[in-house]
Amino acid sequence: MTRRAWAGSAAAVSSAGCQRSRRRVIGVVPKATSHLFFVSINLGVRNAAHEFGVDVTWNGPNDETDHNRQIQIVDSLIAQRVDALAISATDERALTAPVERAIAAGIPVTVFDSGVKTAKYVTFVATDNAGAGATAARRLAALVQRPTVAMVMQKPGGTSTGERERNFEETITREFPALRIVTRQYCMADRARALAAAENILTAHPDVGGIFCSSEAASLGAIQAITTRGVSGTVKLVTFDTSEAHVAALGSGLIDVMLVQDGVRIGYEAVASLVRKLRGETPSRRVALPAREVVRADLGKPDVLRLLRPIQ
């Protein structure tokens, strides 16, 4: 979909809401609104809204660590009596009570991307983050020429990144006993802090063989640190998510493997599950989508380009 078409779709949905149409209204609350991943999810949400004839209210915090703001947004949507709610939780425990308040008010909830500590949701739509973490471990282990690796992690309390990180570590420990994880540092979903974390790793462990970055922010910081230090190719890099900086780094050989989620599909499936629920159907309890492994040789493939640049 072109930028113009996407904007037109979004405007049409907004206009329909302003006219107080009798169509169903689904509130969609991402972890954050600024990352490209959630921009692509928004596109999938709008595509589904157009296809199924529902209105959507899209609102989330600017910062992925701001769970207080996300709680306020959920409570506001409950007060507005939206017909259904989809949420990607900033913190799996902090959002449990607000989500259960929505459910108790008769509002069905689908969880997407990052989980909530409740079993009362309609559907959980997410990347297979456990599998992606294991894949990252195997790819990095095959690339490194030194017996040490490091991790730039996202933040505590996030289900999706936590699963990637945990399964990366478990796979390294179980399958590659000669390989050691020398340090793990959180970036708190912030690019500047990710840069500082990656620089700390490269300073404290100058012989580190590779780094795994579990998120967009973590990856961007590591890309910058490796560029500044001039260790591209020497320090192997496996990253998660995408941006123009990721694509450029993959093309130059700085990133060795990039794991990419299909945000458009996640957003679409989240809305679709709630439409089915509102129609009296029984949606799938779990929709797990594989992360796509992308290497430099893939950059010319049309399906990969659509995944890397969903909004043209």
C-alpha atoms as a PDB file:
ATOM      1  CA  MET A   1       0.000   0.000   0.000  1.00  0.00           C
ATOM      2  CA  THR A   2       1.361   3.485  -0.855  1.00  0.00           C
ATOM      3  CA  ARG A   3       1.791   6.216   1.761  1.00  0.00           C
ATOM      4  CA  ARG A   4      -1.044   8.156   0.105  1.00  0.00           C
ATOM      5  CA  ALA A   5      -3.384   5.143   0.131  1.00  0.00           C
ATOM      6  CA  TRP A   6      -2.509   4.363   3.737  1.00  0.00           C
ATOM      7  CA  ALA A   7      -3.172   7.958   4.778  1.00  0.00           C
ATOM      8  CA  GLY A   8      -6.480   7.866   2.941  1.00  0.00           C
ATOM      9  CA  SER A   9      -7.473   4.661   4.699  1.00  0.00           C
ATOM     10  CA  ALA A  10      -6.563   6.118   8.082  1.00  0.00           C
ATOM     11  CA  ALA A  11      -8.497   9.310   7.333  1.00  0.00           C
ATOM     12  CA  ALA A  12     -11.551   7.316   6.266  1.00  0.00           C
ATOM     13  CA  VAL A  13     -11.552   5.331   9.483  1.00  0.00           C
ATOM     14  CA  SER A  14     -11.103   8.501  11.550  1.00  0.00           C
ATOM     15  CA  SER A  15     -13.897  10.251   9.677  1.00  0.00           C
ATOM     16  CA  ALA A  16     -16.244   7.346  10.214  1.00  0.00           C
ATOM     17  CA  GLY A  17     -15.554   7.492  13.949  1.00  0.00           C
ATOM     18  CA  CYS A  18     -16.237  11.242  14.051  1.00  0.00           C
ATOM     19  CA  GLN A  19     -19.594  10.694  12.390  1.00  0.00           C
ATOM     20  CA  ARG A  20     -20.479   8.349  15.233  1.00  0.00           C
ATOM     21  CA  SER A  21     -21.379   5.589  12.835  1.00  0.00           C
ATOM     22  CA  ARG A  22     -22.970   2.467  14.223  1.00  0.00           C
ATOM     23  CA  ARG A  23     -20.044   0.334  13.208  1.00  0.00           C
ATOM     24  CA  ARG A  24     -18.119  -1.551  15.847  1.00  0.00           C
ATOM     25  CA  VAL A  25     -15.197   0.292  17.435  1.00  0.00           C
ATOM     26  CA  ILE A  26     -11.994  -1.529  18.348  1.00  0.00           C
ATOM     27  CA  GLY A  27      -9.408   0.167  20.525  1.00  0.00           C
ATOM     28  CA  VAL A  28      -5.805  -0.729  19.652  1.00  0.00           C
ATOM     29  CA  VAL A  29      -3.067   0.111  22.164  1.00  0.00           C
ATOM     30  CA  PRO A  30       0.541  -0.492  21.056  1.00  0.00           C
ATOM     31  CA  LYS A  31       3.523  -0.480  23.416  1.00  0.00           C
ATOM     32  CA  ALA A  32       4.772   2.654  21.684  1.00  0.00           C
ATOM     33  CA  THR A  33       3.909   4.681  18.627  1.00  0.00           C
ATOM     34  CA  SER A  34       7.326   5.831  17.448  1.00  0.00           C
ATOM     35  CA  HIS A  35       9.057   2.611  16.369  1.00  0.00           C
ATOM     36  CA  LEU A  36       8.804   1.476  12.743  1.00  0.00           C
ATOM     37  CA  PHE A  37       7.573  -1.923  13.935  1.00  0.00           C
ATOM     38  CA  PHE A  38       4.461  -0.367  15.456  1.00  0.00           C
ATOM     39  CA  VAL A  39       3.964   1.853  12.415  1.00  0.00           C
ATOM     40  CA  SER A  40       3.776  -1.346  10.367  1.00  0.00           C
ATOM     41  CA  ILE A  41       1.360  -2.868  12.894  1.00  0.00           C
ATOM     42  CA  ASN A  42      -0.826   0.224  12.522  1.00  0.00           C
ATOM     43  CA  LEU A  43      -0.933  -0.368   8.764  1.00  0.00           C
ATOM     44  CA  GLY A  44      -2.133  -3.940   9.344  1.00  0.00           C
ATOM     45  CA  VAL A  45      -4.743  -2.688  11.811  1.00  0.00           C
ATOM     46  CA  ARG A  46      -6.075  -0.204   9.257  1.00  0.00           C
ATOM     47  CA  ASN A  47      -6.108  -2.805   6.506  1.00  0.00           C
ATOM     48  CA  ALA A  48      -8.238  -5.092   8.680  1.00  0.00           C
ATOM     49  CA  ALA A  49     -10.527  -2.240   9.722  1.00  0.00           C
ATOM     50  CA  HIS A  50     -11.189  -1.439   6.072  1.00  0.00           C
ATOM     51  CA  GLU A  51     -11.737  -5.081   5.119  1.00  0.00           C
ATOM     52  CA  PHE A  52     -14.072  -5.919   7.992  1.00  0.00           C
ATOM     53  CA  GLY A  53     -15.954  -2.605   8.153  1.00  0.00           C
ATOM     54  CA  VAL A  54     -15.044  -1.592  11.699  1.00  0.00           C
ATOM     55  CA  ASP A  55     -13.640   1.586  13.201  1.00  0.00           C
ATOM     56  CA  VAL A  56     -10.399   1.628  15.153  1.00  0.00           C
ATOM     57  CA  THR A  57      -9.038   3.949  17.806  1.00  0.00           C
ATOM     58  CA  TRP A  58      -5.228   3.774  17.795  1.00  0.00           C
ATOM     59  CA  ASN A  59      -3.495   5.208  20.866  1.00  0.00           C
ATOM     60  CA  GLY A  60      -0.347   4.290  22.757  1.00  0.00           C
ATOM     61  CA  PRO A  61       2.471   5.839  24.776  1.00  0.00           C
ATOM     62  CA  ASN A  62       5.421   7.461  23.039  1.00  0.00           C
ATOM     63  CA  ASP A  63       7.850   5.538  25.215  1.00  0.00           C
ATOM     64  CA  GLU A  64       7.842   1.750  25.471  1.00  0.00           C
ATOM     65  CA  THR A  65       8.752   1.974  29.167  1.00  0.00           C
ATOM     66  CA  ASP A  66       5.764   4.202  30.072  1.00  0.00           C
ATOM     67  CA  HIS A  67       3.328   1.623  31.397  1.00  0.00           C
ATOM     68  CA  ASN A  68       1.512   4.242  33.508  1.00  0.00           C
ATOM     69  CA  ARG A  69       0.494   6.085  30.350  1.00  0.00           C
ATOM     70  CA  GLN A  70      -0.592   2.831  28.733  1.00  0.00           C
ATOM     71  CA  ILE A  71      -2.773   2.028  31.744  1.00  0.00           C
ATOM     72  CA  GLN A  72      -4.421   5.467  31.418  1.00  0.00           C
ATOM     73  CA  ILE A  73      -5.149   4.803  27.746  1.00  0.00           C
ATOM     74  CA  VAL A  74      -6.701   1.391  28.456  1.00  0.00           C
ATOM     75  CA  ASP A  75      -8.892   2.817  31.226  1.00  0.00           C
ATOM     76  CA  SER A  76      -9.986   5.635  28.915  1.00  0.00           C
ATOM     77  CA  LEU A  77     -11.028   3.132  26.244  1.00  0.00           C
ATOM     78  CA  ILE A  78     -12.974   1.154  28.838  1.00  0.00           C
ATOM     79  CA  ALA A  79     -14.798   4.360  29.831  1.00  0.00           C
ATOM     80  CA  GLN A  80     -15.578   5.010  26.148  1.00  0.00           C
ATOM     81  CA  ARG A  81     -17.122   1.521  25.950  1.00  0.00           C
ATOM     82  CA  VAL A  82     -15.257   0.391  22.873  1.00  0.00           C
ATOM     83  CA  ASP A  83     -16.576  -2.903  21.531  1.00  0.00           C
ATOM     84  CA  ALA A  84     -13.226  -4.688  21.766  1.00  0.00           C
ATOM     85  CA  LEU A  85      -9.621  -4.009  22.686  1.00  0.00           C
ATOM     86  CA  ALA A  86      -6.227  -5.114  21.336  1.00  0.00           C
ATOM     87  CA  ILE A  87      -3.104  -4.406  23.346  1.00  0.00           C
ATOM     88  CA  SER A  88       0.659  -4.924  23.225  1.00  0.00           C
ATOM     89  CA  ALA A  89       1.664  -4.622  26.874  1.00  0.00           C
ATOM     90  CA  THR A  90       4.576  -2.420  27.929  1.00  0.00           C
ATOM     91  CA  ASP A  91       4.855  -4.610  31.039  1.00  0.00           C
ATOM     92  CA  GLU A  92       3.269  -8.035  31.367  1.00  0.00           C
ATOM     93  CA  ARG A  93       2.378  -7.590  35.056  1.00  0.00           C
ATOM     94  CA  ALA A  94       1.546  -3.891  35.223  1.00  0.00           C
ATOM     95  CA  LEU A  95      -1.091  -4.240  32.483  1.00  0.00           C
ATOM     96  CA  THR A  96      -2.800  -7.309  33.955  1.00  0.00           C
ATOM     97  CA  ALA A  97      -5.291  -5.415  36.123  1.00  0.00           C
ATOM     98  CA  PRO A  98      -6.322  -2.898  33.412  1.00  0.00           C
ATOM     99  CA  VAL A  99      -6.814  -5.687  30.869  1.00  0.00           C
ATOM    100  CA  GLU A 100      -8.904  -7.686  33.315  1.00  0.00           C
ATOM    101  CA  ARG A 101     -10.963  -4.559  34.060  1.00  0.00           C
ATOM    102  CA  ALA A 102     -11.782  -4.363  30.358  1.00  0.00           C
ATOM    103  CA  ILE A 103     -12.741  -8.033  30.245  1.00  0.00           C
ATOM    104  CA  ALA A 104     -14.900  -7.660  33.362  1.00  0.00           C
ATOM    105  CA  ALA A 105     -16.685  -4.767  31.620  1.00  0.00           C
ATOM    106  CA  GLY A 106     -17.627  -7.119  28.780  1.00  0.00           C
ATOM    107  CA  ILE A 107     -14.951  -5.906  26.374  1.00  0.00           C
ATOM    108  CA  PRO A 108     -13.131  -8.818  24.672  1.00  0.00           C
ATOM    109  CA  VAL A 109      -9.358  -8.366  24.561  1.00  0.00           C
ATOM    110  CA  THR A 110      -6.770  -9.690  22.137  1.00  0.00           C
ATOM    111  CA  VAL A 111      -3.115  -9.401  23.097  1.00  0.00           C
ATOM    112  CA  PHE A 112      -0.573  -8.838  20.336  1.00  0.00           C
ATOM    113  CA  ASP A 113       3.210  -8.770  20.196  1.00  0.00           C
ATOM    114  CA  SER A 114       3.888  -8.672  23.946  1.00  0.00           C
ATOM    115  CA  GLY A 115       1.898 -10.607  26.518  1.00  0.00           C
ATOM    116  CA  VAL A 116      -0.058  -9.919  29.681  1.00  0.00           C
ATOM    117  CA  LYS A 117      -0.182 -12.110  32.773  1.00  0.00           C
ATOM    118  CA  THR A 118      -3.765 -13.252  32.279  1.00  0.00           C
ATOM    119  CA  ALA A 119      -5.431 -16.202  30.563  1.00  0.00           C
ATOM    120  CA  LYS A 120      -8.686 -14.357  29.827  1.00  0.00           C
ATOM    121  CA  TYR A 121      -7.755 -12.889  26.451  1.00  0.00           C
ATOM    122  CA  VAL A 122      -9.394 -13.908  23.159  1.00  0.00           C
ATOM    123  CA  THR A 123      -6.257 -14.461  21.057  1.00  0.00           C
ATOM    124  CA  PHE A 124      -2.541 -13.912  21.455  1.00  0.00           C
ATOM    125  CA  VAL A 125      -0.965 -12.779  18.166  1.00  0.00           C
ATOM    126  CA  ALA A 126       2.805 -12.556  18.076  1.00  0.00           C
ATOM    127  CA  THR A 127       6.035 -13.517  16.424  1.00  0.00           C
ATOM    128  CA  ASP A 128       7.410 -16.867  17.529  1.00  0.00           C
ATOM    129  CA  ASN A 129       9.876 -15.061  19.764  1.00  0.00           C
ATOM    130  CA  ALA A 130      11.175 -18.198  21.455  1.00  0.00           C
ATOM    131  CA  GLY A 131      12.006 -19.727  18.093  1.00  0.00           C
ATOM    132  CA  ALA A 132      13.542 -16.467  16.905  1.00  0.00           C
ATOM    133  CA  GLY A 133      15.808 -16.300  19.945  1.00  0.00           C
ATOM    134  CA  ALA A 134      17.018 -19.835  19.314  1.00  0.00           C
ATOM    135  CA  THR A 135      17.621 -19.036  15.643  1.00  0.00           C
ATOM    136  CA  ALA A 136      19.631 -15.958  16.590  1.00  0.00           C
ATOM    137  CA  ALA A 137      21.826 -18.072  18.869  1.00  0.00           C
ATOM    138  CA  ARG A 138      22.514 -20.640  16.164  1.00  0.00           C
ATOM    139  CA  ARG A 139      23.269 -18.039  13.513  1.00  0.00           C
ATOM    140  CA  LEU A 140      25.626 -16.070  15.745  1.00  0.00           C
ATOM    141  CA  ALA A 141      27.371 -19.225  16.953  1.00  0.00           C
ATOM    142  CA  ALA A 142      28.027 -20.212  13.347  1.00  0.00           C
ATOM    143  CA  LEU A 143      29.468 -16.784  12.534  1.00  0.00           C
ATOM    144  CA  VAL A 144      31.808 -15.976  15.413  1.00  0.00           C
ATOM    145  CA  GLN A 145      35.498 -16.765  15.291  1.00  0.00           C
ATOM    146  CA  ARG A 146      36.036 -16.054  18.981  1.00  0.00           C
ATOM    147  CA  PRO A 147      34.548 -17.955  21.947  1.00  0.00           C
ATOM    148  CA  THR A 148      32.640 -15.007  23.461  1.00  0.00           C
ATOM    149  CA  VAL A 149      29.400 -13.203  22.652  1.00  0.00           C
ATOM    150  CA  ALA A 150      27.341 -10.464  24.303  1.00  0.00           C
ATOM    151  CA  MET A 151      23.717  -9.305  24.407  1.00  0.00           C
ATOM    152  CA  VAL A 152      22.164  -5.851  24.146  1.00  0.00           C
ATOM    153  CA  MET A 153      18.712  -6.426  25.624  1.00  0.00           C
ATOM    154  CA  GLN A 154      15.527  -4.357  25.572  1.00  0.00           C
ATOM    155  CA  LYS A 155      14.058  -3.949  29.068  1.00  0.00           C
ATOM    156  CA  PRO A 156      12.768  -6.057  31.962  1.00  0.00           C
ATOM    157  CA  GLY A 157       9.088  -7.012  31.909  1.00  0.00           C
ATOM    158  CA  GLY A 158       8.549  -7.200  28.157  1.00  0.00           C
ATOM    159  CA  THR A 159       7.280 -10.620  27.121  1.00  0.00           C
ATOM    160  CA  SER A 160       8.323 -10.566  23.466  1.00  0.00           C
ATOM    161  CA  THR A 161      11.907  -9.387  23.893  1.00  0.00           C
ATOM    162  CA  GLY A 162      12.244 -11.398  27.095  1.00  0.00           C
ATOM    163  CA  GLU A 163      11.409 -14.612  25.224  1.00  0.00           C
ATOM    164  CA  ARG A 164      13.971 -13.830  22.533  1.00  0.00           C
ATOM    165  CA  GLU A 165      16.662 -13.101  25.093  1.00  0.00           C
ATOM    166  CA  ARG A 166      15.891 -16.097  27.281  1.00  0.00           C
ATOM    167  CA  ASN A 167      15.863 -18.555  24.391  1.00  0.00           C
ATOM    168  CA  PHE A 168      19.000 -17.056  22.882  1.00  0.00           C
ATOM    169  CA  GLU A 169      20.806 -17.655  26.159  1.00  0.00           C
ATOM    170  CA  GLU A 170      19.341 -21.117  26.709  1.00  0.00           C
ATOM    171  CA  THR A 171      20.281 -22.217  23.182  1.00  0.00           C
ATOM    172  CA  ILE A 172      23.849 -20.947  23.532  1.00  0.00           C
ATOM    173  CA  THR A 173      24.218 -22.761  26.857  1.00  0.00           C
ATOM    174  CA  ARG A 174      22.648 -25.997  25.667  1.00  0.00           C
ATOM    175  CA  GLU A 175      23.974 -26.308  22.129  1.00  0.00           C
ATOM    176  CA  PHE A 176      27.262 -24.391  22.189  1.00  0.00           C
ATOM    177  CA  PRO A 177      29.025 -25.081  25.502  1.00  0.00           C
ATOM    178  CA  ALA A 178      32.330 -23.745  24.164  1.00  0.00           C
ATOM    179  CA  LEU A 179      30.712 -20.341  23.601  1.00  0.00           C
ATOM    180  CA  ARG A 180      30.338 -17.964  26.547  1.00  0.00           C
ATOM    181  CA  ILE A 181      28.012 -14.990  27.014  1.00  0.00           C
ATOM    182  CA  VAL A 182      30.327 -12.487  28.681  1.00  0.00           C
ATOM    183  CA  THR A 183      27.807  -9.739  29.425  1.00  0.00           C
ATOM    184  CA  ARG A 184      24.153  -8.720  29.080  1.00  0.00           C
ATOM    185  CA  GLN A 185      23.061  -5.084  29.164  1.00  0.00           C
ATOM    186  CA  TYR A 186      19.608  -3.486  28.934  1.00  0.00           C
ATOM    187  CA  CYS A 187      19.031  -0.428  26.756  1.00  0.00           C
ATOM    188  CA  MET A 188      15.565   0.359  28.185  1.00  0.00           C
ATOM    189  CA  ALA A 189      14.145   0.741  24.661  1.00  0.00           C
ATOM    190  CA  ASP A 190      16.332   3.791  24.090  1.00  0.00           C
ATOM    191  CA  ARG A 191      18.765   4.160  21.186  1.00  0.00           C
ATOM    192  CA  ALA A 192      21.201   6.377  23.113  1.00  0.00           C
ATOM    193  CA  ARG A 193      21.316   3.949  26.005  1.00  0.00           C
ATOM    194  CA  ALA A 194      21.796   1.100  23.541  1.00  0.00           C
ATOM    195  CA  LEU A 195      24.784   2.941  22.073  1.00  0.00           C
ATOM    196  CA  ALA A 196      26.242   3.353  25.565  1.00  0.00           C
ATOM    197  CA  ALA A 197      25.620  -0.326  26.343  1.00  0.00           C
ATOM    198  CA  ALA A 198      27.294  -1.495  23.127  1.00  0.00           C
ATOM    199  CA  GLU A 199      30.253   0.820  23.679  1.00  0.00           C
ATOM    200  CA  ASN A 200      30.612  -0.526  27.222  1.00  0.00           C
ATOM    201  CA  ILE A 201      30.641  -4.070  25.855  1.00  0.00           C
ATOM    202  CA  LEU A 202      33.280  -3.291  23.241  1.00  0.00           C
ATOM    203  CA  THR A 203      35.427  -1.481  25.806  1.00  0.00           C
ATOM    204  CA  ALA A 204      35.189  -4.103  28.543  1.00  0.00           C
ATOM    205  CA  HIS A 205      35.447  -7.049  26.138  1.00  0.00           C
ATOM    206  CA  PRO A 206      37.598  -5.995  23.157  1.00  0.00           C
ATOM    207  CA  ASP A 207      37.866  -9.602  22.002  1.00  0.00           C
ATOM    208  CA  VAL A 208      34.111 -10.256  21.951  1.00  0.00           C
ATOM    209  CA  GLY A 209      33.215 -12.307  18.898  1.00  0.00           C
ATOM    210  CA  GLY A 210      29.637 -11.213  18.357  1.00  0.00           C
ATOM    211  CA  ILE A 211      26.605  -9.376  19.706  1.00  0.00           C
ATOM    212  CA  PHE A 212      22.917 -10.251  19.676  1.00  0.00           C
ATOM    213  CA  CYS A 213      20.481  -7.317  19.814  1.00  0.00           C
ATOM    214  CA  SER A 214      16.928  -8.243  20.720  1.00  0.00           C
ATOM    215  CA  SER A 215      15.082  -5.112  19.529  1.00  0.00           C
ATOM    216  CA  GLU A 216      15.069  -2.185  17.134  1.00  0.00           C
ATOM    217  CA  ALA A 217      16.562   0.243  19.674  1.00  0.00           C
ATOM    218  CA  ALA A 218      19.201  -2.236  20.832  1.00  0.00           C
ATOM    219  CA  SER A 219      20.214  -2.894  17.217  1.00  0.00           C
ATOM    220  CA  LEU A 220      20.534   0.788  16.309  1.00  0.00           C
ATOM    221  CA  GLY A 221      22.843   1.455  19.235  1.00  0.00           C
ATOM    222  CA  ALA A 222      25.057  -1.507  18.385  1.00  0.00           C
ATOM    223  CA  ILE A 223      25.232  -0.495  14.711  1.00  0.00           C
ATOM    224  CA  GLN A 224      26.473   2.937  15.709  1.00  0.00           C
ATOM    225  CA  ALA A 225      28.992   1.619  18.253  1.00  0.00           C
ATOM    226  CA  ILE A 226      30.475  -0.927  15.834  1.00  0.00           C
ATOM    227  CA  THR A 227      30.704   1.747  13.135  1.00  0.00           C
ATOM    228  CA  THR A 228      32.441   4.196  15.460  1.00  0.00           C
ATOM    229  CA  ARG A 229      34.908   1.571  16.683  1.00  0.00           C
ATOM    230  CA  GLY A 230      35.664   0.358  13.175  1.00  0.00           C
ATOM    231  CA  VAL A 231      35.089  -3.300  14.069  1.00  0.00           C
ATOM    232  CA  SER A 232      32.551  -4.164  11.384  1.00  0.00           C
ATOM    233  CA  GLY A 233      33.138  -7.731  10.239  1.00  0.00           C
ATOM    234  CA  THR A 234      35.311  -8.506  13.245  1.00  0.00           C
ATOM    235  CA  VAL A 235      32.410  -8.342  15.698  1.00  0.00           C
ATOM    236  CA  LYS A 236      29.561 -10.361  14.198  1.00  0.00           C
ATOM    237  CA  LEU A 237      26.108  -8.869  14.634  1.00  0.00           C
ATOM    238  CA  VAL A 238      22.676 -10.502  14.687  1.00  0.00           C
ATOM    239  CA  THR A 239      19.813  -8.044  15.114  1.00  0.00           C
ATOM    240  CA  PHE A 240      16.041  -7.909  15.498  1.00  0.00           C
ATOM    241  CA  ASP A 241      13.521  -5.670  13.711  1.00  0.00           C
ATOM    242  CA  THR A 242      14.278  -3.260  10.890  1.00  0.00           C
ATOM    243  CA  SER A 243      14.717   0.371   9.867  1.00  0.00           C
ATOM    244  CA  GLU A 244      16.558   2.219   7.101  1.00  0.00           C
ATOM    245  CA  ALA A 245      19.686   2.093   9.290  1.00  0.00           C
ATOM    246  CA  HIS A 246      19.310  -1.688   9.640  1.00  0.00           C
ATOM    247  CA  VAL A 247      18.968  -2.144   5.887  1.00  0.00           C
ATOM    248  CA  ALA A 248      22.017   0.017   5.201  1.00  0.00           C
ATOM    249  CA  ALA A 249      24.050  -1.873   7.810  1.00  0.00           C
ATOM    250  CA  LEU A 250      23.021  -5.218   6.339  1.00  0.00           C
ATOM    251  CA  GLY A 251      23.940  -4.027   2.859  1.00  0.00           C
ATOM    252  CA  SER A 252      27.377  -2.898   4.022  1.00  0.00           C
ATOM    253  CA  GLY A 253      28.069  -6.156   5.825  1.00  0.00           C
ATOM    254  CA  LEU A 254      27.988  -4.658   9.327  1.00  0.00           C
ATOM    255  CA  ILE A 255      24.888  -6.703  10.214  1.00  0.00           C
ATOM    256  CA  ASP A 256      25.324 -10.387   9.411  1.00  0.00           C
ATOM    257  CA  VAL A 257      21.761 -11.622  10.027  1.00  0.00           C
ATOM    258  CA  MET A 258      18.638  -9.562  10.600  1.00  0.00           C
ATOM    259  CA  LEU A 259      15.502 -11.163  12.051  1.00  0.00           C
ATOM    260  CA  VAL A 260      12.395  -9.321  10.905  1.00  0.00           C
ATOM    261  CA  GLN A 261       8.839  -9.512  12.152  1.00  0.00           C
ATOM    262  CA  ASP A 262       5.775  -9.135   9.944  1.00  0.00           C
ATOM    263  CA  GLY A 263       4.178  -6.223  11.779  1.00  0.00           C
ATOM    264  CA  VAL A 264       1.494  -5.701   9.137  1.00  0.00           C
ATOM    265  CA  ARG A 265       0.310  -9.282   9.564  1.00  0.00           C
ATOM    266  CA  ILE A 266       0.357  -9.009  13.374  1.00  0.00           C
ATOM    267  CA  GLY A 267      -1.846  -5.896  13.298  1.00  0.00           C
ATOM    268  CA  TYR A 268      -4.219  -7.460  10.794  1.00  0.00           C
ATOM    269  CA  GLU A 269      -4.617 -10.694  12.760  1.00  0.00           C
ATOM    270  CA  ALA A 270      -5.198  -8.841  16.033  1.00  0.00           C
ATOM    271  CA  VAL A 271      -8.170  -6.946  14.605  1.00  0.00           C
ATOM    272  CA  ALA A 272      -9.446  -9.963  12.668  1.00  0.00           C
ATOM    273  CA  SER A 273      -9.562 -12.073  15.843  1.00  0.00           C
ATOM    274  CA  LEU A 274     -11.733  -9.500  17.598  1.00  0.00           C
ATOM    275  CA  VAL A 275     -14.066  -9.122  14.621  1.00  0.00           C
ATOM    276  CA  ARG A 276     -14.600 -12.894  14.678  1.00  0.00           C
ATOM    277  CA  LYS A 277     -15.261 -12.790  18.412  1.00  0.00           C
ATOM    278  CA  LEU A 278     -17.803  -9.983  18.013  1.00  0.00           C
ATOM    279  CA  ARG A 279     -19.538 -12.030  15.320  1.00  0.00           C
ATOM    280  CA  GLY A 280     -19.961 -14.903  17.748  1.00  0.00           C
ATOM    281  CA  GLU A 281     -17.243 -17.058  16.232  1.00  0.00           C
ATOM    282  CA  THR A 282     -14.367 -18.738  18.086  1.00  0.00           C
ATOM    283  CA  PRO A 283     -11.044 -17.301  16.949  1.00  0.00           C
ATOM    284  CA  SER A 284      -7.782 -19.209  17.255  1.00  0.00           C
ATOM    285  CA  ARG A 285      -6.341 -18.943  20.727  1.00  0.00           C
ATOM    286  CA  ARG A 286      -2.786 -18.447  19.442  1.00  0.00           C
ATOM    287  CA  VAL A 287      -1.419 -17.018  16.202  1.00  0.00           C
ATOM    288  CA  ALA A 288       2.371 -17.474  16.084  1.00  0.00           C
ATOM    289  CA  LEU A 289       4.196 -15.980  13.120  1.00  0.00           C
ATOM    290  CA  PRO A 290       7.797 -16.854  12.215  1.00  0.00           C
ATOM    291  CA  ALA A 291      10.465 -14.164  12.108  1.00  0.00           C
ATOM    292  CA  ARG A 292      12.083 -13.887   8.681  1.00  0.00           C
ATOM    293  CA  GLU A 293      15.846 -14.334   8.532  1.00  0.00           C
ATOM    294  CA  VAL A 294      17.302 -11.740   6.175  1.00  0.00           C
ATOM    295  CA  VAL A 295      20.906 -11.695   4.962  1.00  0.00           C
ATOM    296  CA  ARG A 296      22.645  -9.378   2.519  1.00  0.00           C
ATOM    297  CA  ALA A 297      21.877 -11.562  -0.488  1.00  0.00           C
ATOM    298  CA  ASP A 298      18.131 -11.258   0.224  1.00  0.00           C
ATOM    299  CA  LEU A 299      17.939  -7.486  -0.147  1.00  0.00           C
ATOM    300  CA  GLY A 300      16.857  -7.594  -3.792  1.00  0.00           C
ATOM    301  CA  LYS A 301      13.985 -10.020  -3.245  1.00  0.00           C
ATOM    302  CA  PRO A 302      10.524  -8.433  -3.665  1.00  0.00           C
ATOM    303  CA  ASP A 303       8.984 -10.255  -0.681  1.00  0.00           C
ATOM    304  CA  VAL A 304      11.859  -9.144   1.546  1.00  0.00           C
ATOM    305  CA  LEU A 305      11.595  -5.540   0.346  1.00  0.00           C
ATOM    306  CA  ARG A 306       7.867  -5.532   1.202  1.00  0.00           C
ATOM    307  CA  LEU A 307       8.718  -6.769   4.686  1.00  0.00           C
ATOM    308  CA  LEU A 308      11.512  -4.240   5.237  1.00  0.00           C
ATOM    309  CA  ARG A 309       9.577  -1.283   3.845  1.00  0.00           C
ATOM    310  CA  PRO A 310       5.882  -2.000   4.445  1.00  0.00           C
ATOM    311  CA  ILE A 311       4.907   1.636   3.955  1.00  0.00           C
ATOM    312  CA  GLN A 312       6.070   3.036   0.618  1.00  0.00           C
END
